[in-house]
Amino acid sequence: MVRECQDRRVYLAGPEVFLPNVREVGEKKKLLCTKYGFKGVYPADSVLSTDPTPVNGLAIAKANELLIATCDFVVANVTPFRSPSADVGTVYEMGFARGRGMPVFAYSAVAQDFTSRTVAKFNVSRSDDGRFRDLKGLAIEEFGLVDNLMLDYSVRAGVNEIIVPEQAEQLGLDGDAVSLEHYGRTVEFERCLALAVTHFGLAVSGERDGSYFAK
């Protein structure tokens, strides 16, 4: 049965769980979810041991899958993390949700596309065959997408394109975000919430600074 707006749960996927201010970022995002009429579900809120053992790591993974299964949709932060690509755990959660038939919304705090970020990371030029290749000679994707083609498709097939900033900024040394602040950024996150309001056909009760609020 489709839930009422106030009961729609959104799983907040992303590398924010690695931030030193993980709780603060989570509370801010959950508050924004409430403003749009959704219940934000933040994986870092789970009361599980984070002692560095394989057993605890697998317990956290299982708990996250169970949390996703209780939600109606996912909003994923695919800001490139420690590489030109998104956090691999976040990408898995997107695929898990997609496999369950859930809408997946996504955003990045970095405007440059996947090709640009990868080329910047490896500082390469086009090879003799006209392709960009990394230092091992492996071809670099050149589809003009935000990230790997499968990741982009998981969002575009169900809802909309991945939301990115209008203006490009400097990249980090690994083709990722240049600062920690980018991972807690909420401008693009709010745009995803507004898209979710439209996607679910929810009534809009007001507008402020371009943000829409569901009744």
N, C-alpha and C. Protein backbone atom coordinates (compact mmCIF):
# COMPACT_ATOMS: atom_id res chain seq x y z
N MET A 1 0.84 -1.19 0.00
CA MET A 1 0.00 0.00 0.00
C MET A 1 0.88 1.25 0.00
N VAL A 2 0.52 2.24 -0.81
CA VAL A 2 1.29 3.47 -0.89
C VAL A 2 1.08 4.28 0.39
N ARG A 3 2.15 4.75 0.97
CA ARG A 3 2.06 5.50 2.21
C ARG A 3 1.60 6.93 1.96
N GLU A 4 1.03 7.55 2.98
CA GLU A 4 0.75 8.98 2.92
C GLU A 4 2.08 9.72 2.91
N CYS A 5 2.02 10.99 2.48
CA CYS A 5 3.25 11.78 2.33
C CYS A 5 4.10 11.77 3.60
N GLN A 6 3.46 12.07 4.76
CA GLN A 6 4.22 12.19 6.00
C GLN A 6 4.90 10.88 6.40
N ASP A 7 4.42 9.76 5.87
CA ASP A 7 4.98 8.46 6.22
C ASP A 7 6.00 7.96 5.21
N ARG A 8 6.20 8.66 4.12
CA ARG A 8 7.16 8.19 3.11
C ARG A 8 8.58 8.31 3.66
N ARG A 9 9.26 7.21 3.65
CA ARG A 9 10.60 7.15 4.23
C ARG A 9 11.65 7.19 3.12
N VAL A 10 12.66 8.00 3.34
CA VAL A 10 13.73 8.14 2.35
C VAL A 10 15.05 7.75 3.00
N TYR A 11 15.74 6.80 2.38
CA TYR A 11 17.06 6.37 2.86
C TYR A 11 18.10 7.34 2.33
N LEU A 12 18.93 7.87 3.22
CA LEU A 12 19.93 8.88 2.86
C LEU A 12 21.29 8.21 2.68
N ALA A 13 21.58 7.83 1.45
CA ALA A 13 22.83 7.13 1.14
C ALA A 13 23.93 8.13 0.82
N GLY A 14 25.15 7.81 1.23
CA GLY A 14 26.26 8.69 0.88
C GLY A 14 27.44 8.53 1.80
N PRO A 15 28.56 9.15 1.45
CA PRO A 15 29.79 9.03 2.24
C PRO A 15 29.82 9.95 3.46
N GLU A 16 28.70 10.61 3.76
CA GLU A 16 28.66 11.47 4.95
C GLU A 16 28.99 10.70 6.22
N VAL A 17 28.75 9.37 6.20
CA VAL A 17 29.01 8.56 7.40
C VAL A 17 30.49 8.55 7.77
N PHE A 18 31.37 9.00 6.87
CA PHE A 18 32.79 9.05 7.17
C PHE A 18 33.25 10.43 7.66
N LEU A 19 32.36 11.39 7.67
CA LEU A 19 32.72 12.74 8.07
C LEU A 19 32.92 12.84 9.59
N PRO A 20 33.80 13.74 10.04
CA PRO A 20 33.97 13.93 11.49
C PRO A 20 32.71 14.49 12.16
N ASN A 21 31.89 15.22 11.39
CA ASN A 21 30.63 15.77 11.92
C ASN A 21 29.43 15.00 11.38
N VAL A 22 29.57 13.68 11.31
CA VAL A 22 28.55 12.81 10.72
C VAL A 22 27.17 13.03 11.31
N ARG A 23 27.06 13.19 12.63
CA ARG A 23 25.76 13.37 13.28
C ARG A 23 25.13 14.70 12.89
N GLU A 24 25.93 15.74 12.90
CA GLU A 24 25.43 17.07 12.55
C GLU A 24 24.88 17.11 11.13
N VAL A 25 25.62 16.53 10.20
CA VAL A 25 25.18 16.50 8.80
C VAL A 25 23.89 15.69 8.67
N GLY A 26 23.83 14.57 9.38
CA GLY A 26 22.63 13.74 9.31
C GLY A 26 21.40 14.44 9.84
N GLU A 27 21.54 15.13 10.96
CA GLU A 27 20.40 15.84 11.53
C GLU A 27 19.92 16.95 10.60
N LYS A 28 20.85 17.62 9.97
CA LYS A 28 20.49 18.69 9.03
C LYS A 28 19.71 18.13 7.85
N LYS A 29 20.15 17.00 7.33
CA LYS A 29 19.48 16.41 6.17
C LYS A 29 18.11 15.85 6.56
N LYS A 30 18.01 15.26 7.74
CA LYS A 30 16.72 14.74 8.19
C LYS A 30 15.72 15.87 8.41
N LEU A 31 16.20 16.99 8.90
CA LEU A 31 15.33 18.16 9.09
C LEU A 31 14.81 18.65 7.74
N LEU A 32 15.66 18.66 6.73
CA LEU A 32 15.22 19.06 5.40
C LEU A 32 14.19 18.08 4.85
N CYS A 33 14.38 16.80 5.11
CA CYS A 33 13.39 15.81 4.68
C CYS A 33 12.03 16.10 5.29
N THR A 34 12.02 16.42 6.57
CA THR A 34 10.77 16.75 7.26
C THR A 34 10.11 17.96 6.63
N LYS A 35 10.91 18.93 6.25
CA LYS A 35 10.39 20.15 5.63
C LYS A 35 9.66 19.84 4.32
N TYR A 36 10.12 18.81 3.63
CA TYR A 36 9.49 18.42 2.36
C TYR A 36 8.42 17.35 2.54
N GLY A 37 8.16 16.98 3.79
CA GLY A 37 7.09 16.02 4.06
C GLY A 37 7.53 14.57 4.10
N PHE A 38 8.85 14.31 4.21
CA PHE A 38 9.36 12.95 4.23
C PHE A 38 10.03 12.63 5.57
N LYS A 39 10.21 11.36 5.83
CA LYS A 39 10.93 10.89 7.01
C LYS A 39 12.31 10.43 6.58
N GLY A 40 13.34 11.18 6.96
CA GLY A 40 14.70 10.83 6.60
C GLY A 40 15.23 9.68 7.44
N VAL A 41 15.81 8.68 6.78
CA VAL A 41 16.39 7.52 7.46
C VAL A 41 17.89 7.54 7.21
N TYR A 42 18.66 7.76 8.26
CA TYR A 42 20.10 7.98 8.15
C TYR A 42 20.84 6.77 8.71
N PRO A 43 21.66 6.10 7.91
CA PRO A 43 22.30 4.85 8.36
C PRO A 43 23.15 5.00 9.62
N ALA A 44 23.75 6.18 9.82
CA ALA A 44 24.61 6.37 10.99
C ALA A 44 23.82 6.41 12.29
N ASP A 45 22.49 6.47 12.22
CA ASP A 45 21.67 6.47 13.43
C ASP A 45 21.54 5.09 14.04
N SER A 46 21.93 4.05 13.32
CA SER A 46 21.84 2.69 13.85
C SER A 46 22.77 2.53 15.05
N VAL A 47 22.26 1.89 16.09
CA VAL A 47 23.06 1.68 17.30
C VAL A 47 23.80 0.35 17.17
N LEU A 48 24.92 0.39 16.51
CA LEU A 48 25.73 -0.81 16.29
C LEU A 48 27.18 -0.50 16.62
N SER A 49 27.91 -1.51 17.00
CA SER A 49 29.32 -1.32 17.32
C SER A 49 30.11 -0.99 16.05
N THR A 50 30.96 0.02 16.17
CA THR A 50 31.84 0.38 15.05
C THR A 50 33.28 -0.05 15.31
N ASP A 51 33.47 -0.91 16.32
CA ASP A 51 34.81 -1.45 16.54
C ASP A 51 35.27 -2.15 15.26
N PRO A 52 36.51 -1.94 14.85
CA PRO A 52 36.98 -2.42 13.53
C PRO A 52 37.20 -3.92 13.47
N THR A 53 36.11 -4.68 13.37
CA THR A 53 36.21 -6.13 13.18
C THR A 53 35.33 -6.53 11.99
N PRO A 54 35.67 -7.60 11.29
CA PRO A 54 34.84 -8.05 10.17
C PRO A 54 33.39 -8.30 10.58
N VAL A 55 33.18 -8.88 11.75
CA VAL A 55 31.82 -9.18 12.21
C VAL A 55 30.99 -7.91 12.32
N ASN A 56 31.56 -6.87 12.89
CA ASN A 56 30.84 -5.61 13.03
C ASN A 56 30.58 -4.95 11.69
N GLY A 57 31.55 -5.03 10.80
CA GLY A 57 31.37 -4.46 9.46
C GLY A 57 30.22 -5.11 8.73
N LEU A 58 30.15 -6.42 8.79
CA LEU A 58 29.07 -7.14 8.11
C LEU A 58 27.72 -6.88 8.77
N ALA A 59 27.73 -6.69 10.09
CA ALA A 59 26.48 -6.38 10.79
C ALA A 59 25.94 -5.03 10.35
N ILE A 60 26.83 -4.07 10.15
CA ILE A 60 26.41 -2.75 9.68
C ILE A 60 25.83 -2.85 8.27
N ALA A 61 26.48 -3.62 7.41
CA ALA A 61 25.98 -3.80 6.04
C ALA A 61 24.58 -4.42 6.04
N LYS A 62 24.38 -5.44 6.85
CA LYS A 62 23.07 -6.09 6.94
C LYS A 62 22.02 -5.12 7.45
N ALA A 63 22.37 -4.34 8.46
CA ALA A 63 21.44 -3.36 9.02
C ALA A 63 21.05 -2.32 7.98
N ASN A 64 22.01 -1.90 7.16
CA ASN A 64 21.71 -0.91 6.13
C ASN A 64 20.75 -1.48 5.08
N GLU A 65 20.96 -2.73 4.68
CA GLU A 65 20.02 -3.35 3.74
C GLU A 65 18.61 -3.40 4.34
N LEU A 66 18.51 -3.76 5.61
CA LEU A 66 17.20 -3.83 6.27
C LEU A 66 16.55 -2.45 6.34
N LEU A 67 17.37 -1.42 6.57
CA LEU A 67 16.84 -0.05 6.61
C LEU A 67 16.29 0.36 5.25
N ILE A 68 17.05 0.07 4.20
CA ILE A 68 16.60 0.42 2.84
C ILE A 68 15.27 -0.26 2.54
N ALA A 69 15.13 -1.50 2.99
CA ALA A 69 13.90 -2.25 2.73
C ALA A 69 12.67 -1.64 3.41
N THR A 70 12.90 -0.80 4.43
CA THR A 70 11.77 -0.15 5.11
C THR A 70 11.40 1.18 4.46
N CYS A 71 12.15 1.58 3.43
CA CYS A 71 11.97 2.91 2.85
C CYS A 71 11.20 2.85 1.53
N ASP A 72 10.75 4.03 1.09
CA ASP A 72 10.01 4.17 -0.16
C ASP A 72 10.89 4.61 -1.32
N PHE A 73 11.98 5.29 -1.01
CA PHE A 73 12.91 5.73 -2.05
C PHE A 73 14.25 6.07 -1.42
N VAL A 74 15.23 6.32 -2.27
CA VAL A 74 16.59 6.63 -1.84
C VAL A 74 17.02 7.96 -2.43
N VAL A 75 17.70 8.77 -1.64
CA VAL A 75 18.43 9.93 -2.16
C VAL A 75 19.90 9.67 -1.87
N ALA A 76 20.70 9.58 -2.92
CA ALA A 76 22.11 9.20 -2.78
C ALA A 76 23.04 10.36 -3.11
N ASN A 77 24.03 10.54 -2.27
CA ASN A 77 25.08 11.52 -2.50
C ASN A 77 26.20 10.82 -3.25
N VAL A 78 26.33 11.12 -4.54
CA VAL A 78 27.35 10.46 -5.37
C VAL A 78 28.54 11.40 -5.65
N THR A 79 28.73 12.37 -4.78
CA THR A 79 29.92 13.21 -4.87
C THR A 79 31.15 12.30 -4.88
N PRO A 80 32.06 12.46 -5.85
CA PRO A 80 33.21 11.55 -5.95
C PRO A 80 33.99 11.48 -4.63
N PHE A 81 34.33 10.25 -4.25
CA PHE A 81 34.87 10.00 -2.91
C PHE A 81 36.16 9.20 -2.99
N ARG A 82 37.27 9.83 -2.63
CA ARG A 82 38.60 9.20 -2.65
C ARG A 82 39.02 8.71 -4.03
N SER A 83 38.32 9.18 -5.05
CA SER A 83 38.59 8.77 -6.44
C SER A 83 37.70 9.62 -7.33
N PRO A 84 37.79 9.45 -8.67
CA PRO A 84 36.87 10.20 -9.55
C PRO A 84 35.43 9.70 -9.48
N SER A 85 35.18 8.59 -8.80
CA SER A 85 33.86 7.99 -8.78
C SER A 85 33.23 8.07 -7.39
N ALA A 86 31.95 7.73 -7.33
CA ALA A 86 31.20 7.78 -6.08
C ALA A 86 31.67 6.73 -5.09
N ASP A 87 31.32 6.92 -3.83
CA ASP A 87 31.59 5.94 -2.78
C ASP A 87 30.97 4.60 -3.16
N VAL A 88 31.77 3.53 -3.13
CA VAL A 88 31.31 2.23 -3.62
C VAL A 88 30.15 1.69 -2.77
N GLY A 89 30.15 1.96 -1.47
CA GLY A 89 29.05 1.50 -0.63
C GLY A 89 27.75 2.16 -1.02
N THR A 90 27.82 3.45 -1.32
CA THR A 90 26.63 4.19 -1.77
C THR A 90 26.11 3.61 -3.08
N VAL A 91 27.02 3.31 -3.99
CA VAL A 91 26.63 2.75 -5.28
C VAL A 91 25.94 1.40 -5.09
N TYR A 92 26.46 0.58 -4.18
CA TYR A 92 25.80 -0.71 -3.91
C TYR A 92 24.38 -0.47 -3.39
N GLU A 93 24.22 0.47 -2.48
CA GLU A 93 22.90 0.74 -1.92
C GLU A 93 21.93 1.23 -2.99
N MET A 94 22.42 2.00 -3.94
CA MET A 94 21.58 2.43 -5.07
C MET A 94 21.11 1.22 -5.88
N GLY A 95 22.03 0.30 -6.15
CA GLY A 95 21.67 -0.89 -6.91
C GLY A 95 20.71 -1.78 -6.14
N PHE A 96 20.92 -1.88 -4.83
CA PHE A 96 20.04 -2.68 -3.98
C PHE A 96 18.61 -2.12 -4.03
N ALA A 97 18.51 -0.80 -3.91
CA ALA A 97 17.19 -0.15 -3.95
C ALA A 97 16.56 -0.30 -5.33
N ARG A 98 17.34 -0.10 -6.36
CA ARG A 98 16.84 -0.23 -7.73
C ARG A 98 16.32 -1.65 -7.98
N GLY A 99 17.04 -2.65 -7.45
CA GLY A 99 16.63 -4.02 -7.60
C GLY A 99 15.31 -4.33 -6.90
N ARG A 100 14.99 -3.52 -5.90
CA ARG A 100 13.72 -3.68 -5.18
C ARG A 100 12.60 -2.85 -5.81
N GLY A 101 12.93 -2.20 -6.95
CA GLY A 101 11.92 -1.40 -7.63
C GLY A 101 11.68 -0.03 -7.03
N MET A 102 12.62 0.45 -6.23
CA MET A 102 12.46 1.74 -5.57
C MET A 102 13.02 2.87 -6.43
N PRO A 103 12.39 4.05 -6.42
CA PRO A 103 12.98 5.21 -7.11
C PRO A 103 14.28 5.61 -6.43
N VAL A 104 15.28 5.94 -7.23
CA VAL A 104 16.57 6.39 -6.71
C VAL A 104 16.86 7.78 -7.26
N PHE A 105 16.98 8.74 -6.36
CA PHE A 105 17.39 10.10 -6.72
C PHE A 105 18.84 10.26 -6.31
N ALA A 106 19.59 11.10 -7.02
CA ALA A 106 21.00 11.24 -6.69
C ALA A 106 21.49 12.64 -7.04
N TYR A 107 22.54 13.03 -6.33
CA TYR A 107 23.14 14.35 -6.56
C TYR A 107 24.63 14.29 -6.27
N SER A 108 25.34 15.27 -6.81
CA SER A 108 26.76 15.40 -6.56
C SER A 108 27.09 16.87 -6.29
N ALA A 109 28.06 17.10 -5.43
CA ALA A 109 28.51 18.46 -5.15
C ALA A 109 29.62 18.88 -6.10
N VAL A 110 29.93 18.02 -7.09
CA VAL A 110 30.97 18.31 -8.09
C VAL A 110 30.31 18.37 -9.47
N ALA A 111 30.58 19.43 -10.21
CA ALA A 111 29.91 19.63 -11.50
C ALA A 111 30.57 18.88 -12.66
N GLN A 112 31.88 18.67 -12.60
CA GLN A 112 32.58 18.03 -13.72
C GLN A 112 32.10 16.61 -13.93
N ASP A 113 32.04 16.18 -15.20
CA ASP A 113 31.56 14.82 -15.49
C ASP A 113 32.66 13.79 -15.19
N PHE A 114 32.26 12.52 -15.31
CA PHE A 114 33.15 11.41 -14.95
C PHE A 114 34.43 11.41 -15.78
N THR A 115 34.30 11.67 -17.06
CA THR A 115 35.47 11.69 -17.93
C THR A 115 36.46 12.77 -17.50
N SER A 116 35.95 13.98 -17.28
CA SER A 116 36.81 15.10 -16.89
C SER A 116 37.53 14.80 -15.58
N ARG A 117 36.82 14.22 -14.64
CA ARG A 117 37.44 13.92 -13.34
C ARG A 117 38.52 12.85 -13.47
N THR A 118 38.24 11.83 -14.28
CA THR A 118 39.22 10.75 -14.43
C THR A 118 40.46 11.23 -15.17
N VAL A 119 40.27 12.02 -16.21
CA VAL A 119 41.40 12.58 -16.94
C VAL A 119 42.25 13.47 -16.04
N ALA A 120 41.57 14.26 -15.19
CA ALA A 120 42.29 15.14 -14.26
C ALA A 120 43.08 14.32 -13.24
N LYS A 121 42.50 13.25 -12.76
CA LYS A 121 43.16 12.39 -11.77
C LYS A 121 44.47 11.83 -12.32
N PHE A 122 44.43 11.32 -13.57
CA PHE A 122 45.60 10.65 -14.14
C PHE A 122 46.46 11.57 -15.01
N ASN A 123 45.96 12.79 -15.25
CA ASN A 123 46.70 13.78 -16.03
C ASN A 123 47.16 13.19 -17.38
N VAL A 124 46.19 12.67 -18.12
CA VAL A 124 46.51 12.02 -19.40
C VAL A 124 45.93 12.79 -20.57
N SER A 125 46.51 12.57 -21.76
CA SER A 125 45.97 13.11 -23.00
C SER A 125 45.48 11.95 -23.85
N ARG A 126 44.89 12.29 -24.97
CA ARG A 126 44.36 11.25 -25.86
C ARG A 126 45.51 10.40 -26.44
N SER A 127 45.27 9.11 -26.55
CA SER A 127 46.28 8.21 -27.09
C SER A 127 46.21 8.22 -28.62
N ASP A 128 47.06 7.42 -29.25
CA ASP A 128 47.12 7.39 -30.71
C ASP A 128 45.81 6.94 -31.34
N ASP A 129 45.01 6.16 -30.63
CA ASP A 129 43.74 5.69 -31.17
C ASP A 129 42.60 6.68 -30.92
N GLY A 130 42.94 7.85 -30.35
CA GLY A 130 41.94 8.89 -30.13
C GLY A 130 41.18 8.77 -28.83
N ARG A 131 41.47 7.74 -28.03
CA ARG A 131 40.78 7.53 -26.76
C ARG A 131 41.60 8.08 -25.60
N PHE A 132 40.90 8.50 -24.55
CA PHE A 132 41.59 8.76 -23.29
C PHE A 132 41.88 7.41 -22.64
N ARG A 133 43.11 7.22 -22.19
CA ARG A 133 43.48 5.98 -21.51
C ARG A 133 44.25 6.32 -20.24
N ASP A 134 44.09 5.47 -19.22
CA ASP A 134 44.82 5.72 -17.98
C ASP A 134 46.27 5.27 -18.12
N LEU A 135 47.01 5.31 -17.04
CA LEU A 135 48.44 5.02 -17.09
C LEU A 135 48.73 3.56 -17.40
N LYS A 136 47.74 2.68 -17.25
CA LYS A 136 47.91 1.27 -17.62
C LYS A 136 47.47 1.00 -19.05
N GLY A 137 46.91 2.03 -19.70
CA GLY A 137 46.43 1.86 -21.06
C GLY A 137 44.97 1.47 -21.15
N LEU A 138 44.26 1.47 -20.03
CA LEU A 138 42.84 1.11 -20.02
C LEU A 138 42.00 2.31 -20.46
N ALA A 139 41.00 2.04 -21.30
CA ALA A 139 40.15 3.12 -21.82
C ALA A 139 39.35 3.77 -20.69
N ILE A 140 39.16 5.08 -20.82
CA ILE A 140 38.37 5.86 -19.86
C ILE A 140 37.00 6.13 -20.48
N GLU A 141 35.94 5.94 -19.70
CA GLU A 141 34.58 6.20 -20.20
C GLU A 141 34.46 7.63 -20.69
N GLU A 142 33.78 7.81 -21.83
CA GLU A 142 33.61 9.15 -22.40
C GLU A 142 32.17 9.36 -22.85
N PHE A 143 31.22 9.17 -21.97
CA PHE A 143 29.82 9.30 -22.33
C PHE A 143 29.19 10.62 -21.86
N GLY A 144 29.99 11.47 -21.23
CA GLY A 144 29.47 12.74 -20.75
C GLY A 144 28.50 12.60 -19.59
N LEU A 145 28.60 11.49 -18.84
CA LEU A 145 27.71 11.24 -17.71
C LEU A 145 28.35 11.66 -16.40
N VAL A 146 27.54 11.71 -15.36
CA VAL A 146 28.04 12.15 -14.06
C VAL A 146 29.03 11.14 -13.48
N ASP A 147 28.74 9.86 -13.68
CA ASP A 147 29.61 8.80 -13.15
C ASP A 147 29.55 7.61 -14.12
N ASN A 148 29.93 6.45 -13.68
CA ASN A 148 29.85 5.26 -14.50
C ASN A 148 28.45 5.12 -15.09
N LEU A 149 28.37 4.65 -16.32
CA LEU A 149 27.09 4.60 -17.04
C LEU A 149 26.01 3.82 -16.30
N MET A 150 26.36 2.76 -15.58
CA MET A 150 25.36 1.98 -14.86
C MET A 150 24.78 2.78 -13.69
N LEU A 151 25.62 3.58 -13.04
CA LEU A 151 25.14 4.41 -11.94
C LEU A 151 24.16 5.46 -12.46
N ASP A 152 24.53 6.15 -13.53
CA ASP A 152 23.63 7.15 -14.11
C ASP A 152 22.31 6.53 -14.53
N TYR A 153 22.38 5.34 -15.13
CA TYR A 153 21.17 4.69 -15.61
C TYR A 153 20.23 4.34 -14.45
N SER A 154 20.80 3.95 -13.31
CA SER A 154 19.96 3.57 -12.17
C SER A 154 19.08 4.73 -11.72
N VAL A 155 19.53 5.95 -11.97
CA VAL A 155 18.74 7.13 -11.60
C VAL A 155 17.82 7.55 -12.76
N ARG A 156 18.39 7.68 -13.95
CA ARG A 156 17.63 8.17 -15.09
C ARG A 156 16.49 7.24 -15.50
N ALA A 157 16.66 5.94 -15.32
CA ALA A 157 15.63 4.98 -15.73
C ALA A 157 14.37 5.10 -14.89
N GLY A 158 14.53 5.56 -13.65
CA GLY A 158 13.38 5.60 -12.78
C GLY A 158 12.81 6.97 -12.51
N VAL A 159 13.66 7.99 -12.44
CA VAL A 159 13.18 9.31 -12.04
C VAL A 159 13.71 10.46 -12.89
N ASN A 160 14.96 10.80 -12.73
CA ASN A 160 15.48 12.00 -13.36
C ASN A 160 16.99 11.89 -13.46
N GLU A 161 17.62 12.90 -14.02
CA GLU A 161 19.07 12.91 -14.09
C GLU A 161 19.66 13.22 -12.73
N ILE A 162 20.94 12.92 -12.57
CA ILE A 162 21.64 13.22 -11.33
C ILE A 162 21.84 14.73 -11.23
N ILE A 163 21.51 15.30 -10.09
CA ILE A 163 21.60 16.74 -9.88
C ILE A 163 23.04 17.13 -9.56
N VAL A 164 23.56 18.13 -10.25
CA VAL A 164 24.92 18.63 -10.01
C VAL A 164 24.89 20.16 -9.91
N PRO A 165 25.93 20.78 -9.35
CA PRO A 165 25.99 22.24 -9.27
C PRO A 165 26.00 22.89 -10.65
N GLU A 166 25.54 24.12 -10.71
CA GLU A 166 25.53 24.84 -11.97
C GLU A 166 26.93 25.32 -12.36
N GLN A 167 27.78 25.56 -11.36
CA GLN A 167 29.12 26.06 -11.63
C GLN A 167 30.16 25.04 -11.18
N ALA A 168 31.17 24.81 -12.02
CA ALA A 168 32.26 23.90 -11.67
C ALA A 168 33.27 24.59 -10.76
N GLU A 169 33.81 23.83 -9.81
CA GLU A 169 34.86 24.32 -8.92
C GLU A 169 36.11 23.46 -9.11
N GLN A 170 37.15 23.83 -8.41
CA GLN A 170 38.39 23.06 -8.47
C GLN A 170 38.15 21.64 -7.96
N LEU A 171 38.83 20.67 -8.58
CA LEU A 171 38.74 19.28 -8.14
C LEU A 171 39.82 18.97 -7.11
N GLY A 172 39.59 17.92 -6.33
CA GLY A 172 40.61 17.42 -5.43
C GLY A 172 41.68 16.67 -6.22
N LEU A 173 42.75 16.28 -5.55
CA LEU A 173 43.87 15.63 -6.23
C LEU A 173 43.49 14.28 -6.82
N ASP A 174 42.47 13.63 -6.27
CA ASP A 174 42.04 12.32 -6.78
C ASP A 174 40.87 12.43 -7.73
N GLY A 175 40.61 13.62 -8.26
CA GLY A 175 39.46 13.81 -9.13
C GLY A 175 38.16 13.82 -8.35
N ASP A 176 38.26 14.06 -7.05
CA ASP A 176 37.09 14.04 -6.17
C ASP A 176 36.77 15.46 -5.70
N ALA A 177 35.97 15.57 -4.62
CA ALA A 177 35.66 16.89 -4.08
C ALA A 177 36.89 17.49 -3.41
N VAL A 178 37.01 18.79 -3.48
CA VAL A 178 38.22 19.45 -3.00
C VAL A 178 38.24 19.62 -1.49
N SER A 179 37.07 19.55 -0.83
CA SER A 179 37.03 19.78 0.61
C SER A 179 35.97 18.92 1.28
N LEU A 180 36.09 18.74 2.60
CA LEU A 180 35.11 17.99 3.38
C LEU A 180 33.73 18.63 3.31
N GLU A 181 33.69 19.96 3.24
CA GLU A 181 32.41 20.67 3.23
C GLU A 181 31.52 20.24 2.06
N HIS A 182 32.11 19.83 0.97
CA HIS A 182 31.33 19.42 -0.19
C HIS A 182 30.47 18.19 0.10
N TYR A 183 30.93 17.32 0.99
CA TYR A 183 30.18 16.09 1.26
C TYR A 183 28.94 16.34 2.12
N GLY A 184 28.94 17.45 2.84
CA GLY A 184 27.78 17.79 3.65
C GLY A 184 26.90 18.85 3.01
N ARG A 185 27.20 19.20 1.79
CA ARG A 185 26.45 20.23 1.08
C ARG A 185 25.00 19.79 0.84
N THR A 186 24.05 20.76 0.94
CA THR A 186 22.63 20.38 0.86
C THR A 186 21.86 21.05 -0.28
N VAL A 187 22.49 21.92 -1.06
CA VAL A 187 21.78 22.60 -2.15
C VAL A 187 21.22 21.58 -3.14
N GLU A 188 22.05 20.70 -3.62
CA GLU A 188 21.61 19.69 -4.59
C GLU A 188 20.72 18.64 -3.91
N PHE A 189 20.97 18.35 -2.65
CA PHE A 189 20.13 17.43 -1.89
C PHE A 189 18.69 17.92 -1.86
N GLU A 190 18.50 19.21 -1.60
CA GLU A 190 17.14 19.77 -1.58
C GLU A 190 16.47 19.68 -2.94
N ARG A 191 17.24 19.86 -3.99
CA ARG A 191 16.67 19.74 -5.34
C ARG A 191 16.15 18.32 -5.58
N CYS A 192 16.83 17.32 -5.02
CA CYS A 192 16.35 15.94 -5.12
C CYS A 192 15.04 15.78 -4.36
N LEU A 193 14.94 16.37 -3.19
CA LEU A 193 13.71 16.27 -2.41
C LEU A 193 12.54 16.93 -3.15
N ALA A 194 12.81 18.06 -3.80
CA ALA A 194 11.77 18.71 -4.59
C ALA A 194 11.33 17.82 -5.76
N LEU A 195 12.29 17.13 -6.38
CA LEU A 195 11.95 16.20 -7.46
C LEU A 195 11.10 15.04 -6.94
N ALA A 196 11.41 14.60 -5.73
CA ALA A 196 10.64 13.51 -5.13
C ALA A 196 9.20 13.92 -4.88
N VAL A 197 8.99 15.16 -4.45
CA VAL A 197 7.63 15.66 -4.25
C VAL A 197 6.86 15.56 -5.56
N THR A 198 7.49 15.99 -6.64
CA THR A 198 6.84 15.93 -7.97
C THR A 198 6.65 14.49 -8.41
N HIS A 199 7.67 13.67 -8.23
CA HIS A 199 7.60 12.28 -8.67
C HIS A 199 6.43 11.53 -8.04
N PHE A 200 6.21 11.75 -6.76
CA PHE A 200 5.15 11.05 -6.05
C PHE A 200 3.79 11.75 -6.18
N GLY A 201 3.77 12.88 -6.93
CA GLY A 201 2.51 13.57 -7.15
C GLY A 201 1.93 14.16 -5.89
N LEU A 202 2.81 14.64 -5.00
CA LEU A 202 2.35 15.18 -3.73
C LEU A 202 1.93 16.63 -3.90
N ALA A 203 0.95 17.03 -3.13
CA ALA A 203 0.47 18.41 -3.18
C ALA A 203 1.52 19.34 -2.61
N VAL A 204 1.64 20.51 -3.20
CA VAL A 204 2.62 21.52 -2.76
C VAL A 204 1.90 22.61 -1.98
N SER A 205 2.38 22.87 -0.76
CA SER A 205 1.71 23.86 0.08
C SER A 205 2.40 25.21 0.11
N GLY A 206 3.61 25.29 -0.38
CA GLY A 206 4.28 26.58 -0.35
C GLY A 206 5.60 26.55 -1.08
N GLU A 207 6.19 27.71 -1.24
CA GLU A 207 7.48 27.83 -1.92
C GLU A 207 8.28 28.92 -1.26
N ARG A 208 9.59 28.64 -1.05
CA ARG A 208 10.47 29.65 -0.51
C ARG A 208 11.87 29.41 -1.05
N ASP A 209 12.45 30.43 -1.64
CA ASP A 209 13.80 30.30 -2.20
C ASP A 209 13.90 29.12 -3.17
N GLY A 210 12.84 28.90 -3.94
CA GLY A 210 12.88 27.83 -4.93
C GLY A 210 12.62 26.45 -4.36
N SER A 211 12.35 26.35 -3.05
CA SER A 211 12.10 25.06 -2.43
C SER A 211 10.61 24.84 -2.26
N TYR A 212 10.16 23.62 -2.49
CA TYR A 212 8.74 23.29 -2.43
C TYR A 212 8.47 22.39 -1.23
N PHE A 213 7.33 22.59 -0.61
CA PHE A 213 7.00 21.84 0.58
C PHE A 213 5.72 21.07 0.36
N ALA A 214 5.76 19.77 0.65
CA ALA A 214 4.59 18.93 0.47
C ALA A 214 3.62 19.09 1.63
N LYS A 215 2.34 19.02 1.32
CA LYS A 215 1.33 19.07 2.38
C LYS A 215 1.39 17.80 3.20
